[in-house]
Structure formats: structure tokens, C-alpha cells
N, C-alpha and C. Protein backbone atom coordinates (compact mmCIF):
# COMPACT_ATOMS: atom_id res chain seq x y z
N MET A 1 0.83 -1.20 0.00
CA MET A 1 0.00 0.00 0.00
C MET A 1 0.87 1.26 0.00
N GLU A 2 1.93 1.25 0.80
CA GLU A 2 2.82 2.40 0.86
C GLU A 2 3.56 2.60 -0.46
N ALA A 3 3.88 1.51 -1.13
CA ALA A 3 4.57 1.60 -2.41
C ALA A 3 3.67 2.25 -3.46
N ILE A 4 2.38 1.94 -3.42
CA ILE A 4 1.43 2.53 -4.36
C ILE A 4 1.31 4.03 -4.12
N ILE A 5 1.25 4.42 -2.85
CA ILE A 5 1.16 5.85 -2.52
C ILE A 5 2.42 6.58 -2.98
N LEU A 6 3.58 5.97 -2.74
CA LEU A 6 4.83 6.58 -3.19
C LEU A 6 4.88 6.69 -4.72
N LEU A 7 4.41 5.68 -5.40
CA LEU A 7 4.37 5.70 -6.85
C LEU A 7 3.44 6.81 -7.37
N LEU A 8 2.28 6.94 -6.74
CA LEU A 8 1.35 8.00 -7.13
C LEU A 8 1.94 9.39 -6.87
N LEU A 9 2.61 9.55 -5.74
CA LEU A 9 3.25 10.83 -5.44
C LEU A 9 4.36 11.13 -6.44
N PHE A 10 5.12 10.11 -6.81
CA PHE A 10 6.17 10.29 -7.80
C PHE A 10 5.58 10.68 -9.16
N MET A 11 4.49 10.03 -9.54
CA MET A 11 3.83 10.35 -10.81
C MET A 11 3.29 11.78 -10.79
N LEU A 12 2.72 12.20 -9.66
CA LEU A 12 2.23 13.56 -9.52
C LEU A 12 3.36 14.57 -9.65
N LEU A 13 4.47 14.29 -9.01
CA LEU A 13 5.63 15.16 -9.09
C LEU A 13 6.15 15.23 -10.52
N LEU A 14 6.19 14.10 -11.18
CA LEU A 14 6.64 14.04 -12.57
C LEU A 14 5.73 14.86 -13.49
N LEU A 15 4.42 14.73 -13.29
CA LEU A 15 3.46 15.51 -14.09
C LEU A 15 3.60 17.00 -13.81
N PHE A 16 3.83 17.37 -12.56
CA PHE A 16 4.01 18.76 -12.19
C PHE A 16 5.25 19.35 -12.86
N VAL A 17 6.34 18.63 -12.81
CA VAL A 17 7.59 19.10 -13.43
C VAL A 17 7.43 19.19 -14.95
N ALA A 18 6.77 18.21 -15.55
CA ALA A 18 6.54 18.24 -16.99
C ALA A 18 5.65 19.43 -17.37
N GLY A 19 4.63 19.68 -16.58
CA GLY A 19 3.73 20.80 -16.84
C GLY A 19 4.44 22.14 -16.76
N ILE A 20 5.26 22.31 -15.72
CA ILE A 20 6.03 23.55 -15.57
C ILE A 20 7.01 23.71 -16.74
N THR A 21 7.65 22.63 -17.12
CA THR A 21 8.61 22.68 -18.23
C THR A 21 7.92 23.08 -19.53
N LEU A 22 6.78 22.48 -19.83
CA LEU A 22 6.04 22.81 -21.05
C LEU A 22 5.54 24.26 -21.00
N TYR A 23 5.08 24.69 -19.84
CA TYR A 23 4.62 26.07 -19.70
C TYR A 23 5.77 27.05 -19.98
N LEU A 24 6.93 26.77 -19.43
CA LEU A 24 8.08 27.65 -19.64
C LEU A 24 8.55 27.63 -21.09
N LEU A 25 8.49 26.47 -21.75
CA LEU A 25 8.84 26.41 -23.17
C LEU A 25 7.92 27.31 -24.00
N PHE A 26 6.62 27.20 -23.74
CA PHE A 26 5.65 28.01 -24.47
C PHE A 26 5.85 29.50 -24.18
N ALA A 27 6.04 29.83 -22.90
CA ALA A 27 6.22 31.23 -22.51
C ALA A 27 7.49 31.82 -23.11
N PHE A 28 8.57 31.07 -23.07
CA PHE A 28 9.82 31.58 -23.62
C PHE A 28 9.73 31.75 -25.13
N GLY A 29 9.10 30.78 -25.81
CA GLY A 29 8.91 30.89 -27.25
C GLY A 29 8.06 32.10 -27.61
N LEU A 30 6.96 32.31 -26.88
CA LEU A 30 6.11 33.47 -27.13
C LEU A 30 6.85 34.77 -26.83
N PHE A 31 7.63 34.77 -25.77
CA PHE A 31 8.40 35.96 -25.41
C PHE A 31 9.37 36.34 -26.52
N GLN A 32 10.09 35.35 -27.03
CA GLN A 32 11.04 35.61 -28.12
C GLN A 32 10.32 36.12 -29.36
N LEU A 33 9.19 35.50 -29.71
CA LEU A 33 8.42 35.93 -30.87
C LEU A 33 7.87 37.34 -30.65
N GLY A 34 7.45 37.62 -29.43
CA GLY A 34 6.95 38.95 -29.10
C GLY A 34 8.04 40.01 -29.24
N LYS A 35 9.23 39.70 -28.77
CA LYS A 35 10.34 40.65 -28.91
C LYS A 35 10.68 40.89 -30.37
N ARG A 36 10.69 39.82 -31.16
CA ARG A 36 11.01 39.96 -32.58
C ARG A 36 9.95 40.76 -33.33
N ASN A 37 8.69 40.68 -32.86
CA ASN A 37 7.60 41.42 -33.50
C ASN A 37 7.38 42.78 -32.84
N GLU A 38 8.28 43.15 -31.96
CA GLU A 38 8.23 44.43 -31.26
C GLU A 38 6.93 44.64 -30.50
N VAL A 39 6.45 43.56 -29.85
CA VAL A 39 5.28 43.67 -28.98
C VAL A 39 5.72 44.42 -27.74
N GLU A 40 4.98 45.46 -27.39
CA GLU A 40 5.38 46.35 -26.32
C GLU A 40 5.58 45.63 -24.98
N ASN A 41 4.69 44.76 -24.62
CA ASN A 41 4.78 44.04 -23.34
C ASN A 41 4.97 42.55 -23.57
N ALA A 42 6.03 42.19 -24.25
CA ALA A 42 6.28 40.78 -24.58
C ALA A 42 6.47 39.94 -23.33
N TRP A 43 6.89 40.54 -22.23
CA TRP A 43 7.11 39.81 -20.98
C TRP A 43 5.81 39.21 -20.43
N LEU A 44 4.66 39.68 -20.92
CA LEU A 44 3.38 39.11 -20.48
C LEU A 44 3.26 37.63 -20.86
N ALA A 45 4.12 37.17 -21.72
CA ALA A 45 4.11 35.76 -22.13
C ALA A 45 4.36 34.84 -20.93
N PHE A 46 4.95 35.35 -19.88
CA PHE A 46 5.25 34.52 -18.71
C PHE A 46 4.13 34.53 -17.67
N ILE A 47 3.08 35.31 -17.87
CA ILE A 47 1.96 35.38 -16.94
C ILE A 47 0.82 34.54 -17.51
N PRO A 48 0.28 33.58 -16.73
CA PRO A 48 -0.65 32.59 -17.27
C PRO A 48 -1.73 33.07 -18.23
N ILE A 49 -2.65 33.88 -17.88
CA ILE A 49 -3.71 34.25 -18.83
C ILE A 49 -3.27 35.40 -19.72
N ALA A 50 -2.43 36.26 -19.21
CA ALA A 50 -1.96 37.42 -19.98
C ALA A 50 -1.11 37.02 -21.18
N GLN A 51 -0.60 35.79 -21.19
CA GLN A 51 0.22 35.36 -22.31
C GLN A 51 -0.58 35.32 -23.62
N TYR A 52 -1.89 35.23 -23.50
CA TYR A 52 -2.71 35.25 -24.71
C TYR A 52 -2.67 36.61 -25.40
N TYR A 53 -2.40 37.66 -24.64
CA TYR A 53 -2.21 38.98 -25.24
C TYR A 53 -1.00 38.95 -26.18
N THR A 54 0.10 38.38 -25.70
CA THR A 54 1.31 38.28 -26.52
C THR A 54 1.04 37.44 -27.76
N LEU A 55 0.34 36.32 -27.59
CA LEU A 55 0.00 35.47 -28.73
C LEU A 55 -0.81 36.25 -29.76
N GLY A 56 -1.82 36.98 -29.31
CA GLY A 56 -2.65 37.76 -30.22
C GLY A 56 -1.87 38.86 -30.92
N MET A 57 -0.93 39.47 -30.22
CA MET A 57 -0.15 40.55 -30.83
C MET A 57 0.90 40.02 -31.81
N VAL A 58 1.40 38.83 -31.57
CA VAL A 58 2.38 38.25 -32.50
C VAL A 58 1.72 37.96 -33.86
N VAL A 59 0.49 37.52 -33.84
CA VAL A 59 -0.21 37.21 -35.10
C VAL A 59 -1.06 38.37 -35.58
N TRP A 60 -0.90 39.52 -34.98
CA TRP A 60 -1.72 40.70 -35.27
C TRP A 60 -1.76 41.02 -36.77
N ASP A 61 -0.63 40.94 -37.44
CA ASP A 61 -0.58 41.31 -38.85
C ASP A 61 -1.14 40.24 -39.78
N ARG A 62 -1.50 39.08 -39.25
CA ARG A 62 -2.01 37.99 -40.09
C ARG A 62 -3.51 37.79 -39.98
N VAL A 63 -4.16 38.46 -39.05
CA VAL A 63 -5.61 38.29 -38.89
C VAL A 63 -6.33 39.39 -39.66
N PRO A 64 -7.60 39.19 -40.01
CA PRO A 64 -8.36 40.21 -40.75
C PRO A 64 -8.37 41.55 -39.99
N ALA A 65 -8.39 42.64 -40.74
CA ALA A 65 -8.25 43.99 -40.18
C ALA A 65 -9.27 44.28 -39.08
N GLY A 66 -10.51 43.90 -39.24
CA GLY A 66 -11.53 44.18 -38.24
C GLY A 66 -11.38 43.36 -36.97
N PHE A 67 -10.54 42.36 -37.01
CA PHE A 67 -10.38 41.44 -35.89
C PHE A 67 -9.07 41.67 -35.13
N ARG A 68 -8.20 42.51 -35.69
CA ARG A 68 -6.87 42.70 -35.13
C ARG A 68 -6.85 43.22 -33.71
N ASN A 69 -7.59 44.28 -33.46
CA ASN A 69 -7.57 44.88 -32.14
C ASN A 69 -8.38 44.09 -31.12
N VAL A 70 -9.21 43.18 -31.61
CA VAL A 70 -10.09 42.42 -30.73
C VAL A 70 -9.44 41.12 -30.25
N LEU A 71 -8.67 40.47 -31.12
CA LEU A 71 -8.16 39.13 -30.83
C LEU A 71 -7.38 39.02 -29.52
N PRO A 72 -6.40 39.88 -29.23
CA PRO A 72 -5.67 39.71 -27.97
C PRO A 72 -6.57 39.81 -26.75
N TRP A 73 -7.49 40.77 -26.77
CA TRP A 73 -8.37 40.98 -25.62
C TRP A 73 -9.45 39.90 -25.55
N LEU A 74 -9.86 39.39 -26.68
CA LEU A 74 -10.83 38.30 -26.71
C LEU A 74 -10.23 37.04 -26.10
N LEU A 75 -8.98 36.73 -26.45
CA LEU A 75 -8.31 35.56 -25.89
C LEU A 75 -8.18 35.68 -24.37
N ILE A 76 -7.79 36.86 -23.90
CA ILE A 76 -7.66 37.07 -22.45
C ILE A 76 -9.03 36.98 -21.78
N GLY A 77 -10.02 37.65 -22.35
CA GLY A 77 -11.36 37.68 -21.75
C GLY A 77 -12.00 36.31 -21.66
N LEU A 78 -11.86 35.52 -22.71
CA LEU A 78 -12.45 34.18 -22.69
C LEU A 78 -11.77 33.29 -21.66
N ALA A 79 -10.45 33.36 -21.60
CA ALA A 79 -9.72 32.54 -20.62
C ALA A 79 -10.03 32.98 -19.20
N ALA A 80 -10.06 34.29 -18.97
CA ALA A 80 -10.34 34.79 -17.63
C ALA A 80 -11.79 34.56 -17.23
N GLY A 81 -12.69 34.57 -18.20
CA GLY A 81 -14.11 34.36 -17.92
C GLY A 81 -14.42 32.95 -17.43
N GLN A 82 -13.55 32.02 -17.70
CA GLN A 82 -13.79 30.65 -17.26
C GLN A 82 -13.62 30.48 -15.75
N ILE A 83 -12.79 31.29 -15.15
CA ILE A 83 -12.52 31.16 -13.72
C ILE A 83 -13.78 31.39 -12.88
N PRO A 84 -14.49 32.52 -13.04
CA PRO A 84 -15.70 32.68 -12.23
C PRO A 84 -16.78 31.65 -12.56
N LEU A 85 -16.85 31.24 -13.83
CA LEU A 85 -17.85 30.23 -14.18
C LEU A 85 -17.58 28.91 -13.47
N MET A 86 -16.31 28.53 -13.40
CA MET A 86 -15.96 27.28 -12.71
C MET A 86 -16.30 27.37 -11.23
N LEU A 87 -16.08 28.53 -10.65
CA LEU A 87 -16.42 28.71 -9.23
C LEU A 87 -17.93 28.70 -9.01
N MET A 88 -18.67 29.31 -9.94
CA MET A 88 -20.13 29.36 -9.78
C MET A 88 -20.78 28.00 -10.02
N GLU A 89 -20.18 27.16 -10.83
CA GLU A 89 -20.80 25.86 -11.09
C GLU A 89 -20.74 24.95 -9.87
N VAL A 90 -19.89 25.27 -8.90
CA VAL A 90 -19.88 24.51 -7.64
C VAL A 90 -21.19 24.72 -6.90
N PHE A 91 -21.69 25.96 -6.92
CA PHE A 91 -22.92 26.29 -6.20
C PHE A 91 -24.17 26.14 -7.07
N PHE A 92 -24.00 26.30 -8.35
CA PHE A 92 -25.13 26.21 -9.27
C PHE A 92 -24.72 25.36 -10.47
N PRO A 93 -24.92 24.03 -10.38
CA PRO A 93 -24.42 23.10 -11.40
C PRO A 93 -24.80 23.39 -12.85
N PRO A 94 -25.94 24.01 -13.16
CA PRO A 94 -26.22 24.28 -14.58
C PRO A 94 -25.19 25.20 -15.25
N PHE A 95 -24.42 25.93 -14.47
CA PHE A 95 -23.37 26.76 -15.05
C PHE A 95 -22.29 25.91 -15.72
N ALA A 96 -22.28 24.61 -15.43
CA ALA A 96 -21.30 23.72 -16.05
C ALA A 96 -21.46 23.70 -17.57
N ILE A 97 -22.70 23.76 -18.05
CA ILE A 97 -22.95 23.77 -19.49
C ILE A 97 -22.35 25.02 -20.12
N LEU A 98 -22.58 26.15 -19.48
CA LEU A 98 -22.02 27.41 -19.98
C LEU A 98 -20.50 27.39 -19.92
N SER A 99 -19.95 26.80 -18.88
CA SER A 99 -18.50 26.70 -18.74
C SER A 99 -17.90 25.83 -19.84
N ILE A 100 -18.56 24.73 -20.15
CA ILE A 100 -18.08 23.84 -21.21
C ILE A 100 -18.14 24.54 -22.56
N LEU A 101 -19.23 25.24 -22.84
CA LEU A 101 -19.34 25.98 -24.10
C LEU A 101 -18.27 27.06 -24.21
N LEU A 102 -18.03 27.78 -23.12
CA LEU A 102 -17.00 28.82 -23.13
C LEU A 102 -15.61 28.20 -23.33
N SER A 103 -15.40 27.01 -22.79
CA SER A 103 -14.13 26.32 -22.99
C SER A 103 -13.91 25.98 -24.46
N PHE A 104 -14.95 25.50 -25.14
CA PHE A 104 -14.83 25.19 -26.56
C PHE A 104 -14.54 26.44 -27.38
N VAL A 105 -15.21 27.53 -27.06
CA VAL A 105 -14.98 28.78 -27.78
C VAL A 105 -13.54 29.26 -27.55
N THR A 106 -13.09 29.19 -26.31
CA THR A 106 -11.72 29.61 -25.99
C THR A 106 -10.70 28.77 -26.73
N VAL A 107 -10.87 27.47 -26.72
CA VAL A 107 -9.95 26.57 -27.42
C VAL A 107 -9.98 26.87 -28.92
N GLY A 108 -11.14 27.16 -29.46
CA GLY A 108 -11.25 27.49 -30.88
C GLY A 108 -10.45 28.73 -31.24
N PHE A 109 -10.57 29.77 -30.44
CA PHE A 109 -9.82 31.00 -30.73
C PHE A 109 -8.32 30.82 -30.50
N VAL A 110 -7.94 30.05 -29.50
CA VAL A 110 -6.52 29.79 -29.28
C VAL A 110 -5.95 28.98 -30.45
N LEU A 111 -6.70 27.98 -30.92
CA LEU A 111 -6.24 27.21 -32.08
C LEU A 111 -6.14 28.08 -33.32
N TYR A 112 -7.06 29.01 -33.49
CA TYR A 112 -6.98 29.94 -34.61
C TYR A 112 -5.71 30.78 -34.51
N ALA A 113 -5.41 31.30 -33.32
CA ALA A 113 -4.21 32.11 -33.13
C ALA A 113 -2.95 31.26 -33.36
N LEU A 114 -2.97 30.01 -32.88
CA LEU A 114 -1.82 29.13 -33.13
C LEU A 114 -1.67 28.82 -34.62
N PHE A 115 -2.78 28.64 -35.31
CA PHE A 115 -2.73 28.40 -36.75
C PHE A 115 -2.07 29.58 -37.45
N GLU A 116 -2.47 30.79 -37.09
CA GLU A 116 -1.87 31.97 -37.70
C GLU A 116 -0.39 32.09 -37.33
N LEU A 117 -0.05 31.73 -36.10
CA LEU A 117 1.35 31.74 -35.67
C LEU A 117 2.17 30.75 -36.48
N PHE A 118 1.67 29.53 -36.60
CA PHE A 118 2.38 28.51 -37.38
C PHE A 118 2.48 28.92 -38.84
N ARG A 119 1.41 29.51 -39.38
CA ARG A 119 1.40 29.93 -40.78
C ARG A 119 2.40 31.06 -41.01
N LYS A 120 2.62 31.87 -40.01
CA LYS A 120 3.55 32.99 -40.12
C LYS A 120 5.00 32.54 -40.08
N TYR A 121 5.29 31.44 -39.34
CA TYR A 121 6.68 31.06 -39.12
C TYR A 121 7.07 29.67 -39.62
N SER A 122 6.15 28.93 -40.23
CA SER A 122 6.49 27.57 -40.65
C SER A 122 5.78 27.21 -41.95
N ASP A 123 6.46 26.42 -42.77
CA ASP A 123 5.85 25.91 -43.98
C ASP A 123 4.88 24.76 -43.69
N LYS A 124 5.05 24.13 -42.55
CA LYS A 124 4.25 22.96 -42.18
C LYS A 124 3.14 23.34 -41.19
N TYR A 125 2.50 24.46 -41.42
CA TYR A 125 1.54 24.98 -40.45
C TYR A 125 0.31 24.10 -40.27
N VAL A 126 -0.15 23.45 -41.34
CA VAL A 126 -1.32 22.59 -41.21
C VAL A 126 -0.97 21.35 -40.39
N VAL A 127 0.19 20.76 -40.64
CA VAL A 127 0.62 19.59 -39.89
C VAL A 127 0.77 19.94 -38.41
N LEU A 128 1.37 21.09 -38.13
CA LEU A 128 1.54 21.51 -36.74
C LEU A 128 0.20 21.69 -36.05
N LEU A 129 -0.77 22.30 -36.74
CA LEU A 129 -2.08 22.49 -36.14
C LEU A 129 -2.79 21.16 -35.90
N VAL A 130 -2.75 20.27 -36.88
CA VAL A 130 -3.42 18.97 -36.72
C VAL A 130 -2.82 18.19 -35.55
N PHE A 131 -1.48 18.15 -35.47
CA PHE A 131 -0.87 17.43 -34.37
C PHE A 131 -1.07 18.15 -33.04
N SER A 132 -1.22 19.46 -33.06
CA SER A 132 -1.54 20.18 -31.83
C SER A 132 -2.91 19.77 -31.33
N ILE A 133 -3.85 19.64 -32.24
CA ILE A 133 -5.20 19.21 -31.86
C ILE A 133 -5.18 17.77 -31.35
N LEU A 134 -4.49 16.89 -32.08
CA LEU A 134 -4.46 15.48 -31.70
C LEU A 134 -3.75 15.22 -30.37
N THR A 135 -2.80 16.08 -30.03
CA THR A 135 -2.05 15.88 -28.78
C THR A 135 -2.53 16.83 -27.68
N PHE A 136 -3.71 17.41 -27.87
CA PHE A 136 -4.31 18.33 -26.88
C PHE A 136 -3.37 19.48 -26.54
N GLY A 137 -2.71 20.03 -27.53
CA GLY A 137 -1.88 21.21 -27.36
C GLY A 137 -0.40 20.97 -27.13
N LEU A 138 -0.01 19.74 -26.89
CA LEU A 138 1.39 19.45 -26.58
C LEU A 138 2.32 19.87 -27.73
N VAL A 139 1.97 19.51 -28.95
CA VAL A 139 2.80 19.87 -30.10
C VAL A 139 2.79 21.39 -30.30
N GLY A 140 1.68 22.04 -30.04
CA GLY A 140 1.60 23.49 -30.18
C GLY A 140 2.55 24.20 -29.23
N VAL A 141 2.64 23.71 -28.02
CA VAL A 141 3.54 24.30 -27.02
C VAL A 141 4.99 24.13 -27.46
N ILE A 142 5.35 22.94 -27.85
CA ILE A 142 6.72 22.65 -28.26
C ILE A 142 7.05 23.38 -29.57
N ALA A 143 6.11 23.38 -30.51
CA ALA A 143 6.35 24.04 -31.81
C ALA A 143 6.54 25.54 -31.64
N THR A 144 5.83 26.15 -30.71
CA THR A 144 6.01 27.58 -30.46
C THR A 144 7.44 27.87 -30.02
N PHE A 145 7.97 27.00 -29.20
CA PHE A 145 9.37 27.18 -28.77
C PHE A 145 10.32 26.93 -29.93
N VAL A 146 10.05 25.92 -30.74
CA VAL A 146 10.95 25.55 -31.83
C VAL A 146 10.98 26.62 -32.92
N ILE A 147 9.85 27.23 -33.25
CA ILE A 147 9.80 28.19 -34.35
C ILE A 147 10.16 29.62 -33.93
N ARG A 148 10.55 29.80 -32.69
CA ARG A 148 10.80 31.15 -32.18
C ARG A 148 11.89 31.89 -32.95
N ASN A 149 12.80 31.19 -33.61
CA ASN A 149 13.88 31.83 -34.36
C ASN A 149 13.68 31.75 -35.87
N ASN A 150 12.56 31.16 -36.32
CA ASN A 150 12.31 31.06 -37.76
C ASN A 150 12.07 32.44 -38.37
N GLU A 151 12.36 32.54 -39.66
CA GLU A 151 12.08 33.77 -40.39
C GLU A 151 10.58 33.85 -40.68
N VAL A 152 10.08 35.07 -40.78
CA VAL A 152 8.68 35.28 -41.10
C VAL A 152 8.44 34.91 -42.55
N ARG A 153 7.41 34.09 -42.76
CA ARG A 153 7.02 33.74 -44.12
C ARG A 153 6.16 34.85 -44.69
N PRO A 154 6.21 35.05 -46.01
CA PRO A 154 5.35 36.09 -46.59
C PRO A 154 3.88 35.73 -46.43
N ALA A 155 3.06 36.75 -46.27
CA ALA A 155 1.62 36.52 -46.17
C ALA A 155 1.13 35.94 -47.49
N ALA A 156 -0.03 35.31 -47.47
CA ALA A 156 -0.56 34.63 -48.66
C ALA A 156 -0.70 35.58 -49.83
N SER A 157 -1.19 36.78 -49.60
CA SER A 157 -1.39 37.71 -50.71
C SER A 157 -0.04 38.14 -51.30
N GLN A 158 0.99 38.29 -50.47
CA GLN A 158 2.31 38.66 -50.98
C GLN A 158 2.90 37.52 -51.79
N GLY A 159 2.71 36.29 -51.33
CA GLY A 159 3.22 35.12 -52.06
C GLY A 159 2.55 34.97 -53.41
N MET A 160 1.23 35.20 -53.46
CA MET A 160 0.52 35.11 -54.74
C MET A 160 0.96 36.22 -55.67
N ARG A 161 1.19 37.42 -55.14
CA ARG A 161 1.63 38.54 -55.97
C ARG A 161 2.99 38.23 -56.59
N ARG A 162 3.88 37.64 -55.78
CA ARG A 162 5.21 37.29 -56.29
C ARG A 162 5.10 36.22 -57.37
N ASP A 163 4.21 35.23 -57.19
CA ASP A 163 4.00 34.19 -58.21
C ASP A 163 3.46 34.79 -59.50
N MET A 164 2.56 35.77 -59.38
CA MET A 164 1.99 36.40 -60.56
C MET A 164 3.05 37.19 -61.32
N GLU A 165 3.99 37.78 -60.61
CA GLU A 165 5.06 38.52 -61.27
C GLU A 165 5.99 37.58 -62.03
N LYS A 166 6.21 36.39 -61.48
CA LYS A 166 7.06 35.41 -62.14
C LYS A 166 6.38 34.80 -63.34
N ASN A 167 5.08 34.46 -63.21
CA ASN A 167 4.31 33.81 -64.26
C ASN A 167 3.09 34.67 -64.60
N PRO A 168 3.23 35.70 -65.43
CA PRO A 168 2.10 36.58 -65.73
C PRO A 168 1.00 35.90 -66.55
N ASN A 169 1.26 34.73 -67.12
CA ASN A 169 0.26 34.04 -67.95
C ASN A 169 -0.73 33.24 -67.14
N ARG A 170 -0.61 33.23 -65.85
CA ARG A 170 -1.51 32.46 -65.00
C ARG A 170 -2.90 32.92 -65.04
């Protein structure tokens, strides 16, 4: 019985260390990308919910114009909004449905921001997004750290314009 308890404690410690390591990888990768994109408060990447501001600002130039100023604050607001909902569902269980729906919306917007991030810094952006979804974000965290020094890829419209200049008969 004592061996099982020790094993469980060891597993918990291992999960805690792995979680902290992954969090720091993601934060450091976002911080580096934020500095390269001249995000004013790139250090926010190290603060749990505020890091979504840095993520939104790094992909700022890749999202539609009407959505640019909203995305960083939307990511923060959705993530922060889950905390009171989780607390309220303890006292009023029907809030669990609202909490679950808000979680799906939050994950959707975070995946969108990660997609734009991967598209901005990697040729394999679809593969990175698919594996991020399949691994519940693990690949996204690691990929953010790995691509932190990649060069910015041209936006889709710039790439098409360059192709048209090369092949005007298209």
C-alpha cells in the first residue's frame, strides 16, 4: 500500500515538473516571438492568462483587419471568464454547461491564433495544427518554442503577388 502511494506521489511530481517545463517552453517561445515582433509588453508571455495577449499581438498582422484589435483581448477575456464560471458551477451546477461551451470557444480561438502563428513562421503549419489538436496542445507548445527563431514567411497575398510577377500568364 505504501509503495502505491509513493508511486502516485512520484507520478504527480513528474506531471508537475513536466507541466512547468512545457509552460516555460511556451512562454519563452512566445516571449522571443513577441520581442522579434516588437510587442510592447512581450514579458506578459510569462503570466498565465496574460500570455494570450502576446500570442494575439504576434499574429496581429495575419488576422483580418476588423479582428486585429479584438483578438488579444478576446483571448484574455475568454480565458479569464472561465474562472468565475468554474467557481459558480460549484454552487449552481447548470453553469457547467455554460462553462463547457466557453471552454470550446476559448480553445477554438486559441487554435486559430496558433494556426496563424504557425502559418507565419512555418511551412508545415497545417501539420503543426493537426498534431496540436491530436495531442491536446502538446505539439503546439513545443512548436512555439521551436519556431521562435524562424524567419517570417510572406503573407498569402504577398506570395501570390510574387507568383503572378514570375508567371504573368496564370
